[in-house]
Protein backbone atom coordinates (compact mmCIF):
# COMPACT_ATOMS: atom_id res chain seq x y z
CA MET A 1 0.01 0.27 -0.09
CA THR A 2 1.42 3.37 -0.89
CA THR A 3 0.57 6.83 0.29
CA PRO A 4 -0.54 9.58 -1.41
CA VAL A 5 1.31 12.97 -2.38
CA HIS A 6 -0.29 16.01 -2.63
CA LEU A 7 1.39 18.15 -5.82
CA ASP A 8 -0.96 21.48 -5.88
CA HIS A 9 -3.60 20.04 -3.59
CA GLN A 10 -3.98 17.36 -6.60
CA PRO A 11 -3.30 13.77 -5.13
CA VAL A 12 -0.47 11.82 -6.88
CA ASN A 13 0.82 8.13 -6.54
CA PRO A 14 4.88 8.63 -7.09
CA LEU A 15 6.58 5.09 -7.33
CA ILE A 16 10.40 5.13 -7.00
CA VAL A 17 12.62 3.36 -9.80
CA LEU A 18 15.98 2.69 -9.20
CA PRO A 19 17.83 0.98 -11.96
CA ALA A 20 20.35 -1.55 -10.81
CA TRP A 21 23.57 -3.16 -12.97
CA ASN A 22 25.48 -5.09 -10.35
CA GLU A 23 24.63 -3.40 -7.37
CA GLN A 24 24.15 -6.09 -4.49
CA GLU A 25 26.80 -4.26 -2.32
CA ALA A 26 25.24 -0.94 -2.53
CA LEU A 27 21.42 -1.66 -2.60
CA PRO A 28 20.43 -3.16 0.57
CA SER A 29 21.67 -0.06 2.85
CA VAL A 30 20.12 2.22 -0.38
CA LEU A 31 16.40 0.50 0.15
CA GLN A 32 16.62 0.13 4.18
CA GLU A 33 16.89 4.39 4.13
CA ILE A 34 14.43 5.22 1.58
CA ARG A 35 12.12 2.29 3.25
CA THR A 36 12.88 4.03 7.01
CA LEU A 37 12.61 8.00 5.07
CA MET A 38 9.40 7.19 3.17
CA PRO A 39 7.32 4.48 4.21
CA GLY A 40 4.35 5.27 2.12
CA ILE A 41 6.09 5.30 -1.34
CA ALA A 42 6.43 2.38 -3.28
CA VAL A 43 9.85 1.71 -4.59
CA LEU A 44 10.85 -0.47 -8.34
CA VAL A 45 14.51 -2.12 -8.84
CA VAL A 46 15.03 -2.21 -12.00
CA ASN A 47 17.85 -4.96 -12.70
CA ASP A 48 19.38 -4.10 -15.74
CA GLY A 49 20.80 -7.13 -16.72
CA SER A 50 23.20 -7.96 -13.58
CA THR A 51 25.64 -10.85 -13.64
CA ASP A 52 25.83 -10.45 -9.85
CA ALA A 53 22.94 -10.98 -6.85
CA THR A 54 21.54 -7.75 -7.58
CA SER A 55 17.62 -8.99 -8.85
CA HIS A 56 17.90 -11.63 -5.34
CA VAL A 57 19.07 -9.01 -2.92
CA ALA A 58 16.20 -6.28 -3.60
CA ARG A 59 13.38 -9.47 -3.49
CA ARG A 60 14.55 -10.49 -0.56
CA LEU A 61 14.52 -7.39 1.01
CA GLY A 62 11.02 -7.35 -0.37
CA VAL A 63 10.98 -4.89 -3.44
CA PRO A 64 9.60 -5.51 -6.86
CA VAL A 65 12.04 -6.04 -9.65
CA LEU A 66 11.96 -5.75 -13.12
CA ASP A 67 14.65 -8.21 -14.13
CA LEU A 68 15.74 -6.63 -18.05
CA PRO A 69 17.40 -9.63 -19.75
CA VAL A 70 20.58 -8.13 -20.69
CA ASN A 71 22.28 -4.72 -19.79
CA LEU A 72 20.63 -1.99 -21.60
CA GLY A 73 21.65 1.13 -20.00
CA VAL A 74 19.78 3.42 -17.49
CA GLY A 75 17.76 4.49 -20.10
CA GLY A 76 16.20 0.75 -21.08
CA ALA A 77 16.00 0.26 -17.20
CA MET A 78 14.38 3.68 -16.95
CA ARG A 79 12.01 3.66 -19.95
CA ALA A 80 10.63 -0.16 -18.00
CA GLY A 81 10.50 1.86 -15.54
CA PHE A 82 8.21 4.13 -16.78
CA LYS A 83 5.92 1.31 -18.45
CA TYR A 84 5.44 -0.56 -14.72
CA ALA A 85 4.32 2.76 -13.22
CA LEU A 86 1.83 3.27 -16.17
CA ARG A 87 0.51 0.13 -16.14
CA THR A 88 0.46 0.00 -12.18
CA GLY A 89 -1.05 3.63 -11.36
CA HIS A 90 1.38 5.05 -10.55
CA ASP A 91 1.25 8.91 -11.82
CA ALA A 92 4.78 9.92 -10.24
CA VAL A 93 8.37 8.07 -11.01
CA ILE A 94 10.96 9.57 -8.76
CA GLN A 95 14.45 8.18 -10.26
CA LEU A 96 17.46 7.99 -7.67
CA ASP A 97 20.45 6.02 -8.17
CA ALA A 98 20.83 2.22 -6.91
CA ASP A 99 24.68 2.89 -5.36
CA GLY A 100 23.49 5.20 -2.67
CA GLN A 101 24.99 8.65 -4.69
CA HIS A 102 21.49 10.70 -4.37
CA ASP A 103 19.97 11.13 -0.36
CA PRO A 104 16.49 10.62 -0.44
CA ARG A 105 15.93 12.91 2.08
CA ASN A 106 15.84 15.18 -1.40
CA VAL A 107 12.84 13.61 -2.71
CA GLU A 108 10.96 15.60 -1.04
CA THR A 109 12.74 18.81 -2.42
CA LEU A 110 11.48 17.59 -5.76
CA LEU A 111 8.30 17.11 -4.71
CA GLN A 112 7.87 21.10 -3.45
CA ALA A 113 9.61 22.12 -6.56
CA MET A 114 7.11 20.36 -8.79
CA ALA A 115 4.27 21.62 -6.39
CA SER A 116 4.95 25.32 -6.06
CA ALA A 117 6.45 25.80 -9.55
CA ASN A 118 3.87 23.48 -11.81
CA VAL A 119 6.06 21.72 -13.84
CA ASP A 120 6.47 18.13 -15.22
CA VAL A 121 10.13 17.27 -15.20
CA VAL A 122 12.32 18.80 -11.75
CA ILE A 123 16.09 17.48 -12.17
CA GLY A 124 18.37 16.75 -8.78
CA ALA A 125 21.18 19.42 -10.00
CA ARG A 126 24.65 18.74 -8.05
CA PHE A 127 25.85 21.80 -9.74
CA ALA A 128 23.47 24.39 -8.44
CA GLY A 129 25.08 25.70 -4.76
CA VAL A 130 24.35 22.58 -2.84
CA GLY A 131 26.96 20.33 -1.50
CA ALA A 132 30.94 19.79 -2.97
CA TYR A 133 30.58 17.71 -5.83
CA GLU A 134 32.57 19.04 -8.33
CA SER A 135 33.75 17.15 -11.62
CA ARG A 136 36.78 18.62 -13.54
CA GLY A 137 39.19 18.27 -17.17
CA PRO A 138 36.38 16.82 -19.88
CA ARG A 139 33.90 15.81 -17.89
CA ARG A 140 33.14 18.96 -16.76
CA TRP A 141 33.93 21.01 -19.61
CA ALA A 142 31.34 18.99 -21.72
CA MET A 143 28.88 18.76 -18.94
CA ARG A 144 28.69 22.66 -19.03
CA GLY A 145 28.32 22.79 -22.71
CA LEU A 146 25.34 20.06 -22.53
CA SER A 147 24.01 22.78 -19.80
CA PHE A 148 24.18 25.34 -21.23
CA VAL A 149 22.73 24.59 -24.94
CA LEU A 150 19.79 22.75 -23.33
CA SER A 151 19.46 25.38 -20.83
CA ARG A 152 18.13 28.09 -23.68
CA LEU A 153 16.76 25.80 -25.34
CA VAL A 154 13.90 25.25 -22.57
CA GLY A 155 14.03 28.31 -21.37
CA THR A 156 15.28 28.07 -18.13
CA ARG A 157 18.71 27.86 -16.33
CA LEU A 158 20.08 23.84 -16.33
CA THR A 159 23.22 23.90 -14.48
CA ASP A 160 22.61 19.41 -14.17
CA THR A 161 21.72 17.95 -17.47
CA THR A 162 23.23 14.81 -16.95
CA SER A 163 21.49 14.17 -12.99
CA GLY A 164 20.22 11.36 -12.79
CA PHE A 165 17.86 12.22 -9.55
CA LYS A 166 14.68 13.13 -11.01
CA LEU A 167 11.18 13.99 -10.56
CA SER A 168 8.74 13.03 -13.49
CA GLY A 169 5.14 14.15 -13.13
CA PRO A 170 1.99 12.77 -14.66
CA ARG A 171 2.21 14.00 -17.74
CA ALA A 172 5.86 13.04 -18.52
CA VAL A 173 5.37 9.92 -17.47
CA ARG A 174 2.76 9.27 -19.56
CA LEU A 175 5.00 10.44 -22.44
CA PHE A 176 8.12 8.23 -21.29
CA ALA A 177 6.29 5.52 -20.83
CA THR A 178 5.51 5.57 -24.62
CA ASN A 179 8.78 7.40 -25.63
CA TYR A 180 12.17 7.44 -23.25
CA PRO A 181 15.52 7.19 -25.46
CA ALA A 182 17.61 3.68 -24.16
CA GLU A 183 20.83 4.92 -25.80
CA TYR A 184 23.87 5.23 -23.21
CA LEU A 185 22.75 8.75 -21.53
CA GLY A 186 19.86 9.59 -24.06
CA ASP A 187 17.76 9.42 -20.70
CA THR A 188 19.31 12.92 -19.48
CA VAL A 189 20.22 15.05 -22.53
CA GLU A 190 17.49 13.94 -25.39
CA SER A 191 14.97 12.87 -22.55
CA LEU A 192 15.16 16.33 -21.79
CA VAL A 193 14.18 17.22 -25.40
CA ILE A 194 11.43 14.98 -25.98
CA ALA A 195 9.99 16.36 -22.97
CA HIS A 196 10.51 19.94 -24.23
CA ARG A 197 9.26 19.87 -27.68
CA ALA A 198 6.40 18.02 -26.29
CA GLY A 199 5.24 20.96 -24.73
CA LEU A 200 6.38 19.54 -21.18
CA SER A 201 8.16 22.48 -18.15
CA ILE A 202 11.43 20.99 -16.56
CA ARG A 203 13.04 22.78 -13.68
CA GLN A 204 16.02 22.49 -11.56
CA VAL A 205 16.44 22.09 -7.68
CA GLY A 206 20.15 21.67 -5.75
CA VAL A 207 21.17 18.49 -4.23
CA GLU A 208 24.18 17.23 -2.49
CA MET A 209 25.79 14.33 -3.75
CA ARG A 210 27.04 11.83 -1.53
CA PRO A 211 30.23 9.02 -2.27
CA ARG A 212 29.00 5.45 -3.10
CA SER A 213 27.32 3.24 -0.61
CA GLY A 214 29.45 0.22 -1.55
CA GLY A 215 30.45 -1.69 -4.58
CA GLN A 216 32.65 -0.14 -7.94
CA PRO A 217 31.51 2.89 -10.08
CA SER A 218 31.17 1.65 -13.82
CA HIS A 219 32.81 3.59 -15.48
CA SER A 220 36.38 5.38 -15.51
CA PRO A 221 36.95 9.21 -15.41
CA ILE A 222 38.06 9.07 -19.02
CA ARG A 223 35.74 6.78 -20.54
CA SER A 224 32.84 9.20 -18.52
CA ALA A 225 34.05 12.26 -20.55
CA ILE A 226 34.61 10.08 -24.03
CA PHE A 227 31.14 8.89 -22.93
CA LEU A 228 29.98 12.49 -22.66
CA LEU A 229 31.22 13.70 -25.44
CA ARG A 230 28.72 11.27 -26.85
CA ALA A 231 26.17 12.61 -24.89
CA GLY A 232 26.81 16.49 -27.38
CA LEU A 233 26.26 14.63 -30.35
CA ALA A 234 23.60 12.25 -29.40
CA LEU A 235 21.49 15.96 -28.45
CA GLY A 236 23.00 16.92 -32.06
CA ILE A 237 21.10 14.53 -33.47
CA ALA A 238 17.66 14.61 -30.90
CA LEU A 239 17.39 18.48 -32.25
CA THR A 240 17.20 17.22 -35.24
CA ARG A 241 14.27 14.81 -34.77
CA PRO A 242 10.30 15.28 -35.17
CA ALA A 243 8.89 16.11 -32.34
CA THR A 244 6.40 13.70 -29.97
CA PRO A 245 3.61 14.96 -29.05
CA LEU A 246 1.92 14.60 -25.75
CA ALA A 247 -0.65 11.36 -26.63
CA PRO A 248 -4.31 12.08 -25.17
CA GLU A 249 -4.64 10.73 -21.72
CA VAL A 250 -6.74 7.84 -20.54
CA THR A 251 -9.27 7.54 -18.46
CA ARG A 252 -10.26 4.93 -16.86
């Protein structure tokens, strides 16, 4: 049983989605913290083709799991999560990393921002004056370039367009359940382009990032820089694709 959350006096039924790839070490503490801080909010782990015991660990802790047969990346995992949310009656999705770097206490900050600004997507931004998280070198340059371009596209200042900490409201869940990019980092950059072109509004709030609670990062800084440069190419491709309109709401 989940607890409705009120956005602008309208109740929503949020679902926390954790895309997880080989996160058996970090998951127990992450899931326990979510359960302690937000006992009434539903949680889903999308096991993204892990080769370790990620799926077993989540199920042992009583959390529903979607098992993807192969590793699709965060975009593919989140697309499955949005479809699950829509089919199970959840009209808001909170994306959290399964490695513990996102503090669940900030979920309330994102919910409040969505309610007060009446927007469709809220990004938890690492570079917005909260916390001491830093990124250096080519990785940081690429992130700044992406944020510069996307800020002008969506008409609001965005400083962390590659953040994996996001809240998607009812209209965004409906859009992303049918149209969400599976390419690497498409879930960040291209998803914002898709949302904007469908007429959805986007904002950010500052959040503090934490160290991983267990396991190893999946990419070295050099590989991250390479992939972020690829994200710049993905942005260029996304801008050339036709817009996808938001499908009409289905009433039951």
